Full PDB file with SEQRES, HELIX, SHEET, SSBOND, CRYST1, ORIGX, SCALE, CONECT and MASTER records, all heavy atoms in Angstrom:
SEQRES   1 A   36  ALA TRP LEU VAL GLU ASP LEU PRO GLY GLY ARG VAL ARG          
SEQRES   2 A   36  VAL THR THR GLN GLU THR GLN ILE GLY GLN PRO ALA ALA          
SEQRES   3 A   36  ALA LEU ALA GLN GLU ARG PRO ASN PRO MET                      
HELIX    1 AA1 PRO A    8  GLY A   10  5                                   3    
HELIX    2 AA2 GLN A   23  GLN A   30  1                                   8    
SHEET    1 AA1 2 TRP A   2  ASP A   6  0                                        
SHEET    2 AA1 2 VAL A  12  THR A  16 -1                                        
CRYST1    1.000    1.000    1.000  90.00  90.00  90.00 P 1           1          
ORIGX1      1.000000  0.000000  0.000000        0.00000                         
ORIGX2      0.000000  1.000000  0.000000        0.00000                         
ORIGX3      0.000000  0.000000  1.000000        0.00000                         
SCALE1      1.000000  0.000000  0.000000        0.00000                         
SCALE2      0.000000  1.000000  0.000000        0.00000                         
SCALE3      0.000000  0.000000  1.000000        0.00000                         
ATOM      1  N   ALA A   1     173.084  -9.157 -45.084  1.00  0.00           N  
ATOM      2  CA  ALA A   1     173.172 -10.419 -44.265  1.00  0.00           C  
ATOM      3  C   ALA A   1     174.495 -11.128 -44.563  1.00  0.00           C  
ATOM      4  O   ALA A   1     174.879 -11.141 -45.790  1.00  0.00           O  
ATOM      5  CB  ALA A   1     172.031 -11.392 -44.666  1.00  0.00           C  
ATOM      6  N   TRP A   2     175.120 -11.681 -43.553  1.00  0.00           N  
ATOM      7  CA  TRP A   2     176.370 -12.415 -43.767  1.00  0.00           C  
ATOM      8  C   TRP A   2     176.119 -13.726 -42.999  1.00  0.00           C  
ATOM      9  O   TRP A   2     175.774 -13.769 -41.879  1.00  0.00           O  
ATOM     10  CB  TRP A   2     177.565 -11.645 -43.060  1.00  0.00           C  
ATOM     11  CG  TRP A   2     177.777 -10.304 -43.662  1.00  0.00           C  
ATOM     12  CD1 TRP A   2     178.588 -10.031 -44.746  1.00  0.00           C  
ATOM     13  CD2 TRP A   2     177.302  -8.995 -43.272  1.00  0.00           C  
ATOM     14  NE1 TRP A   2     178.612  -8.698 -45.033  1.00  0.00           N  
ATOM     15  CE2 TRP A   2     177.778  -8.082 -44.121  1.00  0.00           C  
ATOM     16  CE3 TRP A   2     176.458  -8.645 -42.173  1.00  0.00           C  
ATOM     17  CZ2 TRP A   2     177.518  -6.693 -43.997  1.00  0.00           C  
ATOM     18  CZ3 TRP A   2     176.193  -7.317 -42.039  1.00  0.00           C  
ATOM     19  CH2 TRP A   2     176.687  -6.306 -42.950  1.00  0.00           C  
ATOM     20  N   LEU A   3     176.526 -14.689 -43.724  1.00  0.00           N  
ATOM     21  CA  LEU A   3     176.575 -16.055 -43.129  1.00  0.00           C  
ATOM     22  C   LEU A   3     178.055 -16.530 -43.123  1.00  0.00           C  
ATOM     23  O   LEU A   3     178.640 -16.664 -44.180  1.00  0.00           O  
ATOM     24  CB  LEU A   3     175.722 -17.037 -43.928  1.00  0.00           C  
ATOM     25  CG  LEU A   3     175.694 -18.497 -43.435  1.00  0.00           C  
ATOM     26  CD1 LEU A   3     175.245 -18.709 -42.081  1.00  0.00           C  
ATOM     27  CD2 LEU A   3     174.923 -19.377 -44.413  1.00  0.00           C  
ATOM     28  N   VAL A   4     178.559 -16.867 -41.922  1.00  0.00           N  
ATOM     29  CA  VAL A   4     179.961 -17.329 -41.761  1.00  0.00           C  
ATOM     30  C   VAL A   4     179.935 -18.727 -41.292  1.00  0.00           C  
ATOM     31  O   VAL A   4     179.312 -19.031 -40.218  1.00  0.00           O  
ATOM     32  CB  VAL A   4     180.764 -16.445 -40.834  1.00  0.00           C  
ATOM     33  CG1 VAL A   4     182.209 -17.015 -40.697  1.00  0.00           C  
ATOM     34  CG2 VAL A   4     180.670 -14.973 -41.260  1.00  0.00           C  
ATOM     35  N   GLU A   5     180.453 -19.647 -42.158  1.00  0.00           N  
ATOM     36  CA  GLU A   5     180.385 -21.070 -41.794  1.00  0.00           C  
ATOM     37  C   GLU A   5     181.766 -21.712 -41.628  1.00  0.00           C  
ATOM     38  O   GLU A   5     182.639 -21.443 -42.401  1.00  0.00           O  
ATOM     39  CB  GLU A   5     179.763 -21.846 -42.930  1.00  0.00           C  
ATOM     40  CG  GLU A   5     178.344 -21.461 -43.288  1.00  0.00           C  
ATOM     41  CD  GLU A   5     177.723 -22.110 -44.458  1.00  0.00           C  
ATOM     42  OE1 GLU A   5     177.249 -23.236 -44.262  1.00  0.00           O  
ATOM     43  OE2 GLU A   5     177.945 -21.610 -45.498  1.00  0.00           O  
ATOM     44  N   ASP A   6     181.882 -22.472 -40.556  1.00  0.00           N  
ATOM     45  CA  ASP A   6     183.200 -23.129 -40.330  1.00  0.00           C  
ATOM     46  C   ASP A   6     183.135 -24.432 -41.003  1.00  0.00           C  
ATOM     47  O   ASP A   6     182.233 -25.227 -40.888  1.00  0.00           O  
ATOM     48  CB  ASP A   6     183.224 -23.498 -38.782  1.00  0.00           C  
ATOM     49  CG  ASP A   6     184.617 -23.659 -38.201  1.00  0.00           C  
ATOM     50  OD1 ASP A   6     185.557 -23.412 -38.972  1.00  0.00           O  
ATOM     51  OD2 ASP A   6     184.724 -23.968 -37.027  1.00  0.00           O  
ATOM     52  N   LEU A   7     184.119 -24.653 -41.886  1.00  0.00           N  
ATOM     53  CA  LEU A   7     184.233 -25.743 -42.797  1.00  0.00           C  
ATOM     54  C   LEU A   7     185.349 -26.763 -42.333  1.00  0.00           C  
ATOM     55  O   LEU A   7     186.299 -26.318 -41.710  1.00  0.00           O  
ATOM     56  CB  LEU A   7     184.362 -25.416 -44.221  1.00  0.00           C  
ATOM     57  CG  LEU A   7     183.239 -24.524 -44.800  1.00  0.00           C  
ATOM     58  CD1 LEU A   7     183.632 -24.173 -46.236  1.00  0.00           C  
ATOM     59  CD2 LEU A   7     181.922 -25.316 -44.874  1.00  0.00           C  
ATOM     60  N   PRO A   8     185.349 -27.952 -42.775  1.00  0.00           N  
ATOM     61  CA  PRO A   8     186.386 -28.903 -42.465  1.00  0.00           C  
ATOM     62  C   PRO A   8     187.780 -28.368 -43.089  1.00  0.00           C  
ATOM     63  O   PRO A   8     187.761 -27.621 -44.051  1.00  0.00           O  
ATOM     64  CB  PRO A   8     186.047 -30.187 -43.031  1.00  0.00           C  
ATOM     65  CG  PRO A   8     184.624 -30.100 -43.379  1.00  0.00           C  
ATOM     66  CD  PRO A   8     184.243 -28.645 -43.460  1.00  0.00           C  
ATOM     67  N   GLY A   9     188.819 -28.787 -42.506  1.00  0.00           N  
ATOM     68  CA  GLY A   9     190.145 -28.473 -43.057  1.00  0.00           C  
ATOM     69  C   GLY A   9     190.563 -27.058 -42.749  1.00  0.00           C  
ATOM     70  O   GLY A   9     191.365 -26.478 -43.524  1.00  0.00           O  
ATOM     71  N   GLY A  10     190.122 -26.429 -41.728  1.00  0.00           N  
ATOM     72  CA  GLY A  10     190.348 -25.090 -41.357  1.00  0.00           C  
ATOM     73  C   GLY A  10     189.951 -24.045 -42.235  1.00  0.00           C  
ATOM     74  O   GLY A  10     190.531 -22.926 -42.383  1.00  0.00           O  
ATOM     75  N   ARG A  11     188.944 -24.321 -43.017  1.00  0.00           N  
ATOM     76  CA  ARG A  11     188.387 -23.352 -44.014  1.00  0.00           C  
ATOM     77  C   ARG A  11     187.127 -22.691 -43.432  1.00  0.00           C  
ATOM     78  O   ARG A  11     186.477 -23.183 -42.522  1.00  0.00           O  
ATOM     79  CB  ARG A  11     188.039 -24.171 -45.320  1.00  0.00           C  
ATOM     80  CG  ARG A  11     189.143 -24.754 -45.903  1.00  0.00           C  
ATOM     81  CD  ARG A  11     188.830 -25.542 -47.220  1.00  0.00           C  
ATOM     82  NE  ARG A  11     187.771 -26.549 -46.838  1.00  0.00           N  
ATOM     83  CZ  ARG A  11     186.755 -26.904 -47.594  1.00  0.00           C  
ATOM     84  NH1 ARG A  11     186.456 -26.245 -48.703  1.00  0.00           N  
ATOM     85  NH2 ARG A  11     185.906 -27.837 -47.181  1.00  0.00           N  
ATOM     86  N   VAL A  12     186.879 -21.543 -44.007  1.00  0.00           N  
ATOM     87  CA  VAL A  12     185.650 -20.731 -43.695  1.00  0.00           C  
ATOM     88  C   VAL A  12     185.005 -20.286 -44.937  1.00  0.00           C  
ATOM     89  O   VAL A  12     185.640 -19.880 -45.898  1.00  0.00           O  
ATOM     90  CB  VAL A  12     186.017 -19.499 -42.791  1.00  0.00           C  
ATOM     91  CG1 VAL A  12     184.788 -18.626 -42.543  1.00  0.00           C  
ATOM     92  CG2 VAL A  12     186.663 -19.929 -41.517  1.00  0.00           C  
ATOM     93  N   ARG A  13     183.676 -20.410 -45.017  1.00  0.00           N  
ATOM     94  CA  ARG A  13     182.956 -19.918 -46.091  1.00  0.00           C  
ATOM     95  C   ARG A  13     182.056 -18.642 -45.592  1.00  0.00           C  
ATOM     96  O   ARG A  13     181.421 -18.682 -44.525  1.00  0.00           O  
ATOM     97  CB  ARG A  13     181.962 -20.866 -46.697  1.00  0.00           C  
ATOM     98  CG  ARG A  13     181.100 -20.418 -47.793  1.00  0.00           C  
ATOM     99  CD  ARG A  13     180.172 -21.393 -48.456  1.00  0.00           C  
ATOM    100  NE  ARG A  13     179.712 -22.456 -47.609  1.00  0.00           N  
ATOM    101  CZ  ARG A  13     179.682 -23.767 -47.982  1.00  0.00           C  
ATOM    102  NH1 ARG A  13     180.074 -24.182 -49.119  1.00  0.00           N  
ATOM    103  NH2 ARG A  13     179.216 -24.721 -47.173  1.00  0.00           N  
ATOM    104  N   VAL A  14     182.174 -17.590 -46.438  1.00  0.00           N  
ATOM    105  CA  VAL A  14     181.339 -16.326 -46.071  1.00  0.00           C  
ATOM    106  C   VAL A  14     180.376 -16.160 -47.273  1.00  0.00           C  
ATOM    107  O   VAL A  14     180.802 -15.995 -48.436  1.00  0.00           O  
ATOM    108  CB  VAL A  14     182.271 -15.136 -45.938  1.00  0.00           C  
ATOM    109  CG1 VAL A  14     181.353 -13.901 -45.623  1.00  0.00           C  
ATOM    110  CG2 VAL A  14     183.283 -15.332 -44.785  1.00  0.00           C  
ATOM    111  N   THR A  15     179.058 -16.187 -46.959  1.00  0.00           N  
ATOM    112  CA  THR A  15     178.016 -15.842 -47.991  1.00  0.00           C  
ATOM    113  C   THR A  15     177.406 -14.502 -47.612  1.00  0.00           C  
ATOM    114  O   THR A  15     177.072 -14.245 -46.494  1.00  0.00           O  
ATOM    115  CB  THR A  15     177.093 -16.945 -47.950  1.00  0.00           C  
ATOM    116  OG1 THR A  15     177.620 -18.188 -48.157  1.00  0.00           O  
ATOM    117  CG2 THR A  15     176.001 -16.741 -49.047  1.00  0.00           C  
ATOM    118  N   THR A  16     177.320 -13.670 -48.537  1.00  0.00           N  
ATOM    119  CA  THR A  16     176.712 -12.399 -48.341  1.00  0.00           C  
ATOM    120  C   THR A  16     175.418 -12.188 -49.194  1.00  0.00           C  
ATOM    121  O   THR A  16     175.481 -12.691 -50.296  1.00  0.00           O  
ATOM    122  CB  THR A  16     177.718 -11.151 -48.565  1.00  0.00           C  
ATOM    123  OG1 THR A  16     177.962 -11.141 -49.934  1.00  0.00           O  
ATOM    124  CG2 THR A  16     178.880 -11.409 -47.775  1.00  0.00           C  
ATOM    125  N   GLN A  17     174.506 -11.431 -48.701  1.00  0.00           N  
ATOM    126  CA  GLN A  17     173.254 -11.087 -49.390  1.00  0.00           C  
ATOM    127  C   GLN A  17     172.998  -9.682 -48.981  1.00  0.00           C  
ATOM    128  O   GLN A  17     173.286  -9.236 -47.954  1.00  0.00           O  
ATOM    129  CB  GLN A  17     172.087 -12.024 -49.165  1.00  0.00           C  
ATOM    130  CG  GLN A  17     172.271 -13.362 -49.687  1.00  0.00           C  
ATOM    131  CD  GLN A  17     170.987 -14.175 -49.390  1.00  0.00           C  
ATOM    132  OE1 GLN A  17     170.234 -13.931 -48.481  1.00  0.00           O  
ATOM    133  NE2 GLN A  17     170.684 -15.133 -50.340  1.00  0.00           N  
ATOM    134  N   GLU A  18     172.330  -8.968 -49.966  1.00  0.00           N  
ATOM    135  CA  GLU A  18     171.925  -7.565 -49.785  1.00  0.00           C  
ATOM    136  C   GLU A  18     170.681  -7.364 -50.620  1.00  0.00           C  
ATOM    137  O   GLU A  18     170.434  -7.955 -51.698  1.00  0.00           O  
ATOM    138  CB  GLU A  18     173.057  -6.653 -50.388  1.00  0.00           C  
ATOM    139  CG  GLU A  18     172.669  -5.239 -50.385  1.00  0.00           C  
ATOM    140  CD  GLU A  18     173.725  -4.443 -51.084  1.00  0.00           C  
ATOM    141  OE1 GLU A  18     174.879  -4.381 -50.608  1.00  0.00           O  
ATOM    142  OE2 GLU A  18     173.371  -3.845 -52.123  1.00  0.00           O  
ATOM    143  N   THR A  19     169.873  -6.456 -50.015  1.00  0.00           N  
ATOM    144  CA  THR A  19     168.743  -5.942 -50.747  1.00  0.00           C  
ATOM    145  C   THR A  19     168.642  -4.448 -50.578  1.00  0.00           C  
ATOM    146  O   THR A  19     169.002  -3.972 -49.499  1.00  0.00           O  
ATOM    147  CB  THR A  19     167.357  -6.637 -50.299  1.00  0.00           C  
ATOM    148  OG1 THR A  19     166.271  -6.151 -51.042  1.00  0.00           O  
ATOM    149  CG2 THR A  19     167.092  -6.397 -48.839  1.00  0.00           C  
ATOM    150  N   GLN A  20     168.218  -3.806 -51.626  1.00  0.00           N  
ATOM    151  CA  GLN A  20     168.126  -2.300 -51.547  1.00  0.00           C  
ATOM    152  C   GLN A  20     166.798  -1.892 -52.106  1.00  0.00           C  
ATOM    153  O   GLN A  20     166.298  -2.391 -53.178  1.00  0.00           O  
ATOM    154  CB  GLN A  20     169.229  -1.697 -52.451  1.00  0.00           C  
ATOM    155  CG  GLN A  20     170.611  -2.069 -52.070  1.00  0.00           C  
ATOM    156  CD  GLN A  20     171.669  -1.526 -52.991  1.00  0.00           C  
ATOM    157  OE1 GLN A  20     171.385  -0.550 -53.762  1.00  0.00           O  
ATOM    158  NE2 GLN A  20     172.854  -2.088 -53.001  1.00  0.00           N  
ATOM    159  N   ILE A  21     166.179  -0.961 -51.376  1.00  0.00           N  
ATOM    160  CA  ILE A  21     164.884  -0.380 -51.779  1.00  0.00           C  
ATOM    161  C   ILE A  21     164.945   1.123 -51.752  1.00  0.00           C  
ATOM    162  O   ILE A  21     165.507   1.652 -50.767  1.00  0.00           O  
ATOM    163  CB  ILE A  21     163.743  -0.921 -50.906  1.00  0.00           C  
ATOM    164  CG1 ILE A  21     163.700  -2.498 -51.032  1.00  0.00           C  
ATOM    165  CG2 ILE A  21     162.408  -0.345 -51.308  1.00  0.00           C  
ATOM    166  CD1 ILE A  21     162.759  -3.081 -50.005  1.00  0.00           C  
ATOM    167  N   GLY A  22     164.398   1.791 -52.675  1.00  0.00           N  
ATOM    168  CA  GLY A  22     164.270   3.253 -52.668  1.00  0.00           C  
ATOM    169  C   GLY A  22     165.125   3.845 -53.701  1.00  0.00           C  
ATOM    170  O   GLY A  22     165.990   3.274 -54.331  1.00  0.00           O  
ATOM    171  N   GLN A  23     164.905   5.224 -53.924  1.00  0.00           N  
ATOM    172  CA  GLN A  23     165.665   5.938 -54.995  1.00  0.00           C  
ATOM    173  C   GLN A  23     167.101   5.955 -54.765  1.00  0.00           C  
ATOM    174  O   GLN A  23     167.880   5.831 -55.771  1.00  0.00           O  
ATOM    175  CB  GLN A  23     164.993   7.387 -54.986  1.00  0.00           C  
ATOM    176  CG  GLN A  23     165.606   8.161 -56.209  1.00  0.00           C  
ATOM    177  CD  GLN A  23     165.281   7.519 -57.594  1.00  0.00           C  
ATOM    178  OE1 GLN A  23     164.290   6.819 -57.742  1.00  0.00           O  
ATOM    179  NE2 GLN A  23     166.269   7.653 -58.557  1.00  0.00           N  
ATOM    180  N   PRO A  24     167.609   6.263 -53.610  1.00  0.00           N  
ATOM    181  CA  PRO A  24     169.121   6.259 -53.371  1.00  0.00           C  
ATOM    182  C   PRO A  24     169.720   4.892 -53.808  1.00  0.00           C  
ATOM    183  O   PRO A  24     170.786   4.895 -54.428  1.00  0.00           O  
ATOM    184  CB  PRO A  24     169.362   6.567 -51.945  1.00  0.00           C  
ATOM    185  CG  PRO A  24     168.083   7.301 -51.499  1.00  0.00           C  
ATOM    186  CD  PRO A  24     166.989   6.603 -52.351  1.00  0.00           C  
ATOM    187  N   ALA A  25     169.063   3.827 -53.438  1.00  0.00           N  
ATOM    188  CA  ALA A  25     169.668   2.492 -53.753  1.00  0.00           C  
ATOM    189  C   ALA A  25     169.627   2.310 -55.313  1.00  0.00           C  
ATOM    190  O   ALA A  25     170.476   1.785 -55.864  1.00  0.00           O  
ATOM    191  CB  ALA A  25     168.874   1.483 -53.119  1.00  0.00           C  
ATOM    192  N   ALA A  26     168.497   2.790 -55.901  1.00  0.00           N  
ATOM    193  CA  ALA A  26     168.334   2.580 -57.423  1.00  0.00           C  
ATOM    194  C   ALA A  26     169.452   3.382 -58.118  1.00  0.00           C  
ATOM    195  O   ALA A  26     170.055   2.954 -59.113  1.00  0.00           O  
ATOM    196  CB  ALA A  26     167.003   3.003 -57.861  1.00  0.00           C  
ATOM    197  N   ALA A  27     169.687   4.535 -57.645  1.00  0.00           N  
ATOM    198  CA  ALA A  27     170.818   5.369 -58.167  1.00  0.00           C  
ATOM    199  C   ALA A  27     172.149   4.667 -58.041  1.00  0.00           C  
ATOM    200  O   ALA A  27     172.981   4.691 -59.039  1.00  0.00           O  
ATOM    201  CB  ALA A  27     170.756   6.738 -57.580  1.00  0.00           C  
ATOM    202  N   LEU A  28     172.409   4.222 -56.809  1.00  0.00           N  
ATOM    203  CA  LEU A  28     173.669   3.420 -56.689  1.00  0.00           C  
ATOM    204  C   LEU A  28     173.914   2.294 -57.682  1.00  0.00           C  
ATOM    205  O   LEU A  28     174.970   2.004 -58.146  1.00  0.00           O  
ATOM    206  CB  LEU A  28     173.836   2.886 -55.257  1.00  0.00           C  
ATOM    207  CG  LEU A  28     174.395   3.852 -54.222  1.00  0.00           C  
ATOM    208  CD1 LEU A  28     174.311   3.304 -52.865  1.00  0.00           C  
ATOM    209  CD2 LEU A  28     175.787   4.394 -54.528  1.00  0.00           C  
ATOM    210  N   ALA A  29     172.832   1.561 -57.847  1.00  0.00           N  
ATOM    211  CA  ALA A  29     172.878   0.375 -58.824  1.00  0.00           C  
ATOM    212  C   ALA A  29     173.161   0.688 -60.145  1.00  0.00           C  
ATOM    213  O   ALA A  29     173.654  -0.123 -60.906  1.00  0.00           O  
ATOM    214  CB  ALA A  29     171.472  -0.355 -58.586  1.00  0.00           C  
ATOM    215  N   GLN A  30     172.832   2.009 -60.596  1.00  0.00           N  
ATOM    216  CA  GLN A  30     173.162   2.408 -61.930  1.00  0.00           C  
ATOM    217  C   GLN A  30     174.633   2.862 -62.148  1.00  0.00           C  
ATOM    218  O   GLN A  30     175.032   3.020 -63.270  1.00  0.00           O  
ATOM    219  CB  GLN A  30     172.217   3.523 -62.378  1.00  0.00           C  
ATOM    220  CG  GLN A  30     170.780   3.068 -62.392  1.00  0.00           C  
ATOM    221  CD  GLN A  30     170.511   1.889 -63.174  1.00  0.00           C  
ATOM    222  OE1 GLN A  30     170.897   1.709 -64.395  1.00  0.00           O  
ATOM    223  NE2 GLN A  30     169.866   0.858 -62.689  1.00  0.00           N  
ATOM    224  N   GLU A  31     175.378   3.153 -61.038  1.00  0.00           N  
ATOM    225  CA  GLU A  31     176.709   3.596 -61.118  1.00  0.00           C  
ATOM    226  C   GLU A  31     177.618   2.483 -61.564  1.00  0.00           C  
ATOM    227  O   GLU A  31     177.476   1.313 -61.288  1.00  0.00           O  
ATOM    228  CB  GLU A  31     177.213   4.181 -59.789  1.00  0.00           C  
ATOM    229  CG  GLU A  31     176.493   5.420 -59.404  1.00  0.00           C  
ATOM    230  CD  GLU A  31     177.097   6.044 -58.126  1.00  0.00           C  
ATOM    231  OE1 GLU A  31     178.383   5.719 -57.869  1.00  0.00           O  
ATOM    232  OE2 GLU A  31     176.397   6.706 -57.391  1.00  0.00           O  
ATOM    233  N   ARG A  32     178.630   2.992 -62.458  1.00  0.00           N  
ATOM    234  CA  ARG A  32     179.591   2.040 -62.943  1.00  0.00           C  
ATOM    235  C   ARG A  32     181.033   2.656 -62.631  1.00  0.00           C  
ATOM    236  O   ARG A  32     181.217   3.790 -63.042  1.00  0.00           O  
ATOM    237  CB  ARG A  32     179.562   1.827 -64.454  1.00  0.00           C  
ATOM    238  CG  ARG A  32     178.226   1.101 -64.783  1.00  0.00           C  
ATOM    239  CD  ARG A  32     178.173  -0.353 -64.177  1.00  0.00           C  
ATOM    240  NE  ARG A  32     176.959  -0.995 -64.645  1.00  0.00           N  
ATOM    241  CZ  ARG A  32     175.887  -1.112 -63.866  1.00  0.00           C  
ATOM    242  NH1 ARG A  32     175.905  -0.536 -62.683  1.00  0.00           N  
ATOM    243  NH2 ARG A  32     174.858  -1.743 -64.253  1.00  0.00           N  
ATOM    244  N   PRO A  33     181.863   2.022 -61.948  1.00  0.00           N  
ATOM    245  CA  PRO A  33     181.649   0.691 -61.296  1.00  0.00           C  
ATOM    246  C   PRO A  33     180.753   0.854 -60.093  1.00  0.00           C  
ATOM    247  O   PRO A  33     180.539   1.869 -59.502  1.00  0.00           O  
ATOM    248  CB  PRO A  33     183.081   0.359 -60.781  1.00  0.00           C  
ATOM    249  CG  PRO A  33     183.774   1.662 -60.623  1.00  0.00           C  
ATOM    250  CD  PRO A  33     183.208   2.589 -61.609  1.00  0.00           C  
ATOM    251  N   ASN A  34     180.029  -0.295 -59.844  1.00  0.00           N  
ATOM    252  CA  ASN A  34     178.971  -0.233 -58.774  1.00  0.00           C  
ATOM    253  C   ASN A  34     179.662  -0.206 -57.409  1.00  0.00           C  
ATOM    254  O   ASN A  34     180.462  -1.114 -57.029  1.00  0.00           O  
ATOM    255  CB  ASN A  34     178.256  -1.602 -58.889  1.00  0.00           C  
ATOM    256  CG  ASN A  34     177.035  -1.695 -57.930  1.00  0.00           C  
ATOM    257  OD1 ASN A  34     177.216  -1.547 -56.753  1.00  0.00           O  
ATOM    258  ND2 ASN A  34     175.811  -1.797 -58.509  1.00  0.00           N  
ATOM    259  N   PRO A  35     179.436   0.921 -56.630  1.00  0.00           N  
ATOM    260  CA  PRO A  35     180.085   1.056 -55.371  1.00  0.00           C  
ATOM    261  C   PRO A  35     179.634   0.000 -54.285  1.00  0.00           C  
ATOM    262  O   PRO A  35     180.515  -0.341 -53.398  1.00  0.00           O  
ATOM    263  CB  PRO A  35     179.664   2.475 -54.929  1.00  0.00           C  
ATOM    264  CG  PRO A  35     178.395   2.733 -55.764  1.00  0.00           C  
ATOM    265  CD  PRO A  35     178.509   1.948 -56.883  1.00  0.00           C  
ATOM    266  N   MET A  36     178.506  -0.524 -54.395  1.00  0.00           N  
ATOM    267  CA  MET A  36     178.051  -1.551 -53.468  1.00  0.00           C  
ATOM    268  C   MET A  36     178.824  -2.923 -53.695  1.00  0.00           C  
ATOM    269  O   MET A  36     179.349  -3.469 -52.772  1.00  0.00           O  
ATOM    270  CB  MET A  36     176.568  -1.734 -53.461  1.00  0.00           C  
ATOM    271  CG  MET A  36     175.767  -0.585 -52.939  1.00  0.00           C  
ATOM    272  SD  MET A  36     176.237   0.060 -51.317  1.00  0.00           S  
ATOM    273  CE  MET A  36     175.777  -1.331 -50.266  1.00  0.00           C  
TER     274      MET A  36                                                      
MASTER        0    0    0    2    2    0    0    6  273    1    0    3          
END                                                                             
């Protein structure tokens, strides 16, 4: 999920969230550096 907000002063805020479920996601979470 990405939330893009228009802020005063010509600024923009981007908030990201992610959720992962399953064995492939669990394997990615263990990698260093984390590819996600």
